[in-house]
Amino acid sequence: MIEFRGVTKQFPDGTVAVEGVDIVIPPRKTTVLVGSSGSGKTTLLRMINRMVDPTEGRVLIDGTDVATREPVALRRSIGYVMQNSGLLPHRKVIDNVATVPLLRGTGKREAYARALELLDTVGLDRSLADRYPSQLSGGQQQRVGVARGLAVDPNILLMDEPFGAVDPIVRSELQQELLRLQGELGKTVVFVTHDIDEAFLLGDQVVIMQQGGKISQAASPVEILANPADDFVADFVGADRGKRALHVTEVGGRKIVVDADGRPAGILAS
């Protein structure tokens, strides 16, 4: 379990990125931090592995204040996946995946064997192990990034807008892959996005943040849709515009789900 207790972050230039955050991130679930640019969601994420330290308050993992942990050792115990994969371009795929285990003292043979297994886990062919990142598609690079994040079998996996730089079709595939992986592995995932649809798809808990790093609402997608905390949340999720109000119409003998403006949202399964 991850807890933020009275957490504030003010940078030297006076910018307050996060202010007075109190929230619990439950174990073995996916919590999505969602908000526009400048809402503090990435800053909040990076406090978990001490890439950023709070100005005030505490961040705890299973009751232990992360401030008491040595930063490098802490980061090597937590999976981290970022936008554009963050792969080392001069190293082969297998070396990228095996990087952290090797740094932690795992033998090369064991680290490489584990890396190949992880390529299987994220749906990549082992033949890609000897390629360089530039020889992969964007979607393949992101899958390698996920494999690298899982390489030390972490309890916690941090994902900072990992699918934001790929096209919509690949993004959808990666989202479904994450849902599959989470169903199999049951990690504590903290996921950052600016896309409320992605947040609702992936999150067991969705944390909606507004400018200045304040939390507007933290709840399940269903709870947020049923009872937005305020006008900001209602506008952010589209409730006030009827975006989420769906109904069924029949077209050519098939039942089509459409939104309040008549735009198709899907086909109603029988």
Protein backbone atom coordinates (compact mmCIF):
# COMPACT_ATOMS: atom_id res chain seq x y z
CA MET A 1 0.00 0.00 0.00
CA ILE A 2 1.19 3.51 -0.86
CA GLU A 3 0.10 6.48 1.23
CA PHE A 4 0.48 10.21 0.69
CA ARG A 5 0.07 12.13 3.94
CA GLY A 6 -0.18 15.92 3.73
CA VAL A 7 2.15 15.99 0.72
CA THR A 8 3.11 19.33 -0.83
CA LYS A 9 5.82 20.05 -3.39
CA GLN A 10 7.01 23.59 -4.03
CA PHE A 11 9.88 24.07 -6.46
CA PRO A 12 12.64 26.67 -5.94
CA ASP A 13 10.99 29.10 -8.37
CA GLY A 14 7.91 29.16 -6.13
CA THR A 15 5.76 26.89 -8.29
CA VAL A 16 3.49 24.66 -6.21
CA ALA A 17 3.16 21.40 -8.14
CA VAL A 18 1.31 19.41 -5.48
CA GLU A 19 -0.55 20.80 -2.49
CA GLY A 20 -1.86 19.04 0.60
CA VAL A 21 -2.39 15.62 -0.94
CA ASP A 22 -3.80 12.85 1.25
CA ILE A 23 -4.54 9.63 -0.59
CA VAL A 24 -4.19 5.87 -0.24
CA ILE A 25 -3.19 3.75 -3.23
CA PRO A 26 -4.42 0.20 -2.60
CA PRO A 27 -2.20 -2.81 -3.24
CA ARG A 28 -2.54 -5.05 -6.30
CA LYS A 29 -4.83 -2.56 -8.03
CA THR A 30 -4.35 0.04 -10.76
CA THR A 31 -4.64 3.65 -9.65
CA VAL A 32 -4.71 6.22 -12.44
CA LEU A 33 -3.70 9.84 -11.86
CA VAL A 34 -5.45 11.94 -14.49
CA GLY A 35 -5.46 15.65 -15.19
CA SER A 36 -4.32 18.31 -17.63
CA SER A 37 -0.71 19.53 -17.92
CA GLY A 38 0.36 21.29 -14.75
CA SER A 39 -1.95 19.38 -12.43
CA GLY A 40 0.95 17.70 -10.61
CA LYS A 41 0.21 14.11 -11.54
CA THR A 42 3.75 13.26 -12.73
CA THR A 43 5.28 15.01 -9.73
CA LEU A 44 3.08 12.91 -7.45
CA LEU A 45 4.11 9.71 -9.26
CA ARG A 46 7.82 10.54 -9.00
CA MET A 47 7.59 11.05 -5.26
CA ILE A 48 6.98 7.31 -4.89
CA ASN A 49 10.48 6.39 -6.10
CA ARG A 50 12.14 9.59 -4.83
CA MET A 51 12.84 11.11 -8.21
CA VAL A 52 11.14 14.04 -6.49
CA ASP A 53 11.07 14.62 -2.73
CA PRO A 54 8.14 16.42 -1.08
CA THR A 55 8.58 19.84 0.51
CA GLU A 56 6.11 18.86 3.21
CA GLY A 57 4.41 15.63 4.21
CA ARG A 58 5.34 12.00 3.84
CA VAL A 59 5.08 9.22 1.26
CA LEU A 60 4.91 5.72 2.73
CA ILE A 61 5.16 2.27 1.16
CA ASP A 62 3.76 -0.45 3.43
CA GLY A 63 4.14 1.92 6.37
CA THR A 64 7.78 2.88 5.68
CA ASP A 65 8.59 6.48 4.80
CA VAL A 66 10.39 6.48 1.45
CA ALA A 67 12.57 9.34 2.76
CA THR A 68 14.34 6.72 4.89
CA ARG A 69 15.20 4.64 1.83
CA GLU A 70 18.37 5.13 -0.22
CA PRO A 71 17.08 6.61 -3.53
CA VAL A 72 18.98 4.40 -5.99
CA ALA A 73 18.13 1.19 -4.14
CA LEU A 74 14.50 2.30 -3.90
CA ARG A 75 14.28 3.02 -7.63
CA ARG A 76 15.79 -0.35 -8.51
CA SER A 77 13.07 -2.08 -6.47
CA ILE A 78 10.22 -0.28 -8.28
CA GLY A 79 9.28 -0.75 -11.93
CA TYR A 80 9.19 2.43 -14.01
CA VAL A 81 7.80 2.84 -17.53
CA MET A 82 7.80 6.21 -19.28
CA GLN A 83 6.60 7.76 -22.51
CA ASN A 84 8.81 6.93 -25.53
CA SER A 85 9.95 3.81 -23.61
CA GLY A 86 13.20 5.41 -22.39
CA LEU A 87 15.25 2.55 -23.84
CA LEU A 88 19.02 2.90 -24.18
CA PRO A 89 19.46 3.24 -27.97
CA HIS A 90 22.98 1.75 -28.07
CA ARG A 91 21.98 -1.43 -26.24
CA LYS A 92 20.10 -4.42 -27.62
CA VAL A 93 16.60 -5.28 -26.45
CA ILE A 94 17.79 -8.10 -24.19
CA ASP A 95 20.35 -5.81 -22.56
CA ASN A 96 17.75 -3.11 -21.99
CA VAL A 97 15.42 -5.54 -20.26
CA ALA A 98 18.23 -7.04 -18.17
CA THR A 99 19.71 -3.68 -17.11
CA VAL A 100 18.36 -3.40 -13.55
CA PRO A 101 18.78 -7.08 -12.58
CA LEU A 102 22.42 -6.89 -13.70
CA LEU A 103 22.92 -3.70 -11.68
CA ARG A 104 21.47 -5.49 -8.65
CA GLY A 105 24.01 -8.31 -8.99
CA THR A 106 22.04 -10.97 -10.85
CA GLY A 107 24.27 -13.19 -12.97
CA LYS A 108 24.24 -12.51 -16.71
CA ARG A 109 22.90 -15.93 -17.67
CA GLU A 110 20.02 -15.67 -15.21
CA ALA A 111 19.26 -12.04 -16.13
CA TYR A 112 19.15 -12.87 -19.85
CA ALA A 113 16.94 -15.91 -19.29
CA ARG A 114 14.53 -13.77 -17.29
CA ALA A 115 14.60 -11.10 -20.02
CA LEU A 116 13.57 -13.64 -22.65
CA GLU A 117 10.73 -14.84 -20.43
CA LEU A 118 9.55 -11.25 -20.07
CA LEU A 119 9.48 -10.78 -23.84
CA ASP A 120 7.03 -13.69 -23.86
CA THR A 121 5.05 -12.06 -21.06
CA VAL A 122 4.57 -8.77 -22.92
CA GLY A 123 3.74 -10.46 -26.21
CA LEU A 124 7.01 -10.01 -28.10
CA ASP A 125 8.83 -12.65 -30.12
CA ARG A 126 12.19 -13.69 -28.70
CA SER A 127 13.77 -13.06 -32.09
CA LEU A 128 13.63 -9.34 -31.25
CA ALA A 129 16.04 -9.80 -28.34
CA ASP A 130 19.12 -9.01 -30.46
CA ARG A 131 17.66 -5.95 -32.16
CA TYR A 132 18.27 -2.34 -31.19
CA PRO A 133 15.39 -0.04 -30.18
CA SER A 134 15.60 1.86 -33.48
CA GLN A 135 14.77 -1.39 -35.29
CA LEU A 136 11.45 -1.73 -33.45
CA SER A 137 8.08 -0.09 -33.97
CA GLY A 138 6.82 2.37 -31.37
CA GLY A 139 4.46 -0.22 -29.94
CA GLN A 140 7.23 -2.81 -29.71
CA GLN A 141 9.47 -0.31 -27.93
CA GLN A 142 6.78 0.38 -25.35
CA ARG A 143 6.34 -3.36 -24.73
CA VAL A 144 10.09 -3.64 -24.17
CA GLY A 145 9.78 -0.74 -21.74
CA VAL A 146 7.10 -2.63 -19.82
CA ALA A 147 9.26 -5.77 -19.81
CA ARG A 148 12.16 -3.77 -18.39
CA GLY A 149 9.87 -2.33 -15.72
CA LEU A 150 8.89 -5.86 -14.69
CA ALA A 151 12.44 -7.28 -14.78
CA VAL A 152 12.98 -7.31 -11.00
CA ASP A 153 9.45 -8.57 -10.34
CA PRO A 154 8.53 -5.37 -8.47
CA ASN A 155 5.48 -5.06 -6.27
CA ILE A 156 4.99 -1.52 -7.59
CA LEU A 157 4.96 -0.46 -11.24
CA LEU A 158 4.96 3.27 -12.08
CA MET A 159 3.78 4.22 -15.58
CA ASP A 160 4.14 7.86 -16.70
CA GLU A 161 1.96 8.39 -19.81
CA PRO A 162 3.49 5.24 -21.33
CA PHE A 163 1.15 5.05 -24.31
CA GLY A 164 0.94 8.75 -25.17
CA ALA A 165 3.39 8.71 -28.08
CA VAL A 166 1.89 5.89 -30.19
CA ASP A 167 -0.96 5.95 -32.68
CA PRO A 168 -4.54 5.22 -31.49
CA ILE A 169 -4.63 1.62 -32.75
CA VAL A 170 -1.35 0.68 -31.06
CA ARG A 171 -2.43 2.57 -27.94
CA SER A 172 -5.58 0.49 -27.74
CA GLU A 173 -3.56 -2.71 -28.12
CA LEU A 174 -1.16 -1.65 -25.36
CA GLN A 175 -4.04 -0.75 -23.05
CA GLN A 176 -5.54 -4.20 -23.51
CA GLU A 177 -2.12 -5.75 -22.95
CA LEU A 178 -1.78 -3.89 -19.66
CA LEU A 179 -5.22 -5.09 -18.55
CA ARG A 180 -4.18 -8.66 -19.38
CA LEU A 181 -0.86 -8.34 -17.55
CA GLN A 182 -2.47 -6.83 -14.49
CA GLY A 183 -5.02 -9.63 -14.42
CA GLU A 184 -2.17 -12.16 -14.42
CA LEU A 185 0.40 -10.41 -12.22
CA GLY A 186 -1.63 -8.28 -9.80
CA LYS A 187 0.90 -5.48 -9.33
CA THR A 188 0.30 -2.18 -7.56
CA VAL A 189 0.20 0.02 -10.66
CA VAL A 190 0.26 3.82 -10.57
CA PHE A 191 -0.51 5.14 -14.05
CA VAL A 192 -0.39 8.77 -15.23
CA THR A 193 -2.46 10.04 -18.16
CA HIS A 194 -4.26 13.18 -19.36
CA ASP A 195 -6.92 11.05 -21.10
CA ILE A 196 -10.04 10.42 -18.99
CA ASP A 197 -11.17 7.58 -21.29
CA GLU A 198 -7.85 5.79 -20.73
CA ALA A 199 -8.19 6.43 -17.00
CA PHE A 200 -11.68 4.93 -16.86
CA LEU A 201 -10.59 1.92 -18.92
CA LEU A 202 -7.53 1.03 -16.86
CA GLY A 203 -8.19 2.32 -13.36
CA ASP A 204 -9.65 0.49 -10.40
CA GLN A 205 -9.22 3.85 -8.68
CA VAL A 206 -9.13 7.11 -10.65
CA VAL A 207 -7.63 10.24 -9.07
CA ILE A 208 -8.72 13.42 -10.83
CA MET A 209 -6.29 16.30 -10.30
CA GLN A 210 -6.68 19.98 -11.11
CA GLN A 211 -4.25 22.83 -11.62
CA GLY A 212 -2.10 23.48 -8.58
CA GLY A 213 -1.79 19.81 -7.71
CA LYS A 214 -4.99 19.36 -5.75
CA ILE A 215 -7.15 16.23 -5.86
CA SER A 216 -10.73 16.88 -6.93
CA GLN A 217 -11.96 13.31 -6.54
CA ALA A 218 -10.55 9.83 -5.99
CA ALA A 219 -12.94 6.95 -6.58
CA SER A 220 -13.80 4.13 -8.97
CA PRO A 221 -14.86 5.11 -12.50
CA VAL A 222 -18.43 4.06 -11.74
CA GLU A 223 -18.55 6.19 -8.59
CA ILE A 224 -17.15 9.22 -10.41
CA LEU A 225 -19.70 8.93 -13.22
CA ALA A 226 -22.56 8.36 -10.80
CA ASN A 227 -21.60 11.16 -8.42
CA PRO A 228 -19.04 13.73 -9.63
CA ALA A 229 -17.60 15.56 -6.62
CA ASP A 230 -18.04 19.02 -8.13
CA ASP A 231 -18.52 20.98 -11.35
CA PHE A 232 -14.84 20.63 -12.26
CA VAL A 233 -15.05 16.83 -12.17
CA ALA A 234 -18.37 16.80 -14.04
CA ASP A 235 -16.86 18.95 -16.79
CA PHE A 236 -13.62 16.94 -16.91
CA VAL A 237 -15.38 13.60 -17.39
CA GLY A 238 -17.93 15.10 -19.78
CA ALA A 239 -20.95 14.47 -17.59
CA ASP A 240 -22.24 18.02 -17.97
CA ARG A 241 -22.21 17.77 -21.77
CA GLY A 242 -24.00 14.45 -21.87
CA LYS A 243 -20.88 12.83 -23.28
CA ARG A 244 -21.32 9.85 -20.96
CA ALA A 245 -25.08 9.58 -21.38
CA LEU A 246 -25.44 6.70 -23.83
CA HIS A 247 -28.54 5.18 -25.36
CA VAL A 248 -29.38 2.48 -27.88
CA THR A 249 -30.72 2.99 -31.37
CA GLU A 250 -31.34 0.46 -34.14
CA VAL A 251 -29.58 0.79 -37.50
CA GLY A 252 -29.99 -1.82 -40.22
CA GLY A 253 -31.32 -4.34 -37.74
CA ARG A 254 -28.39 -3.93 -35.34
CA LYS A 255 -28.46 -2.19 -31.96
CA ILE A 256 -25.94 0.66 -31.86
CA VAL A 257 -24.92 2.52 -28.72
CA VAL A 258 -24.70 6.28 -29.34
CA ASP A 259 -23.85 9.26 -27.15
CA ALA A 260 -26.04 12.28 -26.43
CA ASP A 261 -24.98 13.89 -29.73
CA GLY A 262 -25.81 10.78 -31.76
CA ARG A 263 -22.20 9.73 -32.30
CA PRO A 264 -21.69 5.95 -32.33
CA ALA A 265 -19.95 4.49 -29.27
CA GLY A 266 -20.22 0.80 -30.07
CA ILE A 267 -22.45 -2.15 -30.85
CA LEU A 268 -24.69 -3.63 -28.17
CA ALA A 269 -23.80 -7.28 -27.72
CA SER A 270 -26.65 -9.72 -27.32
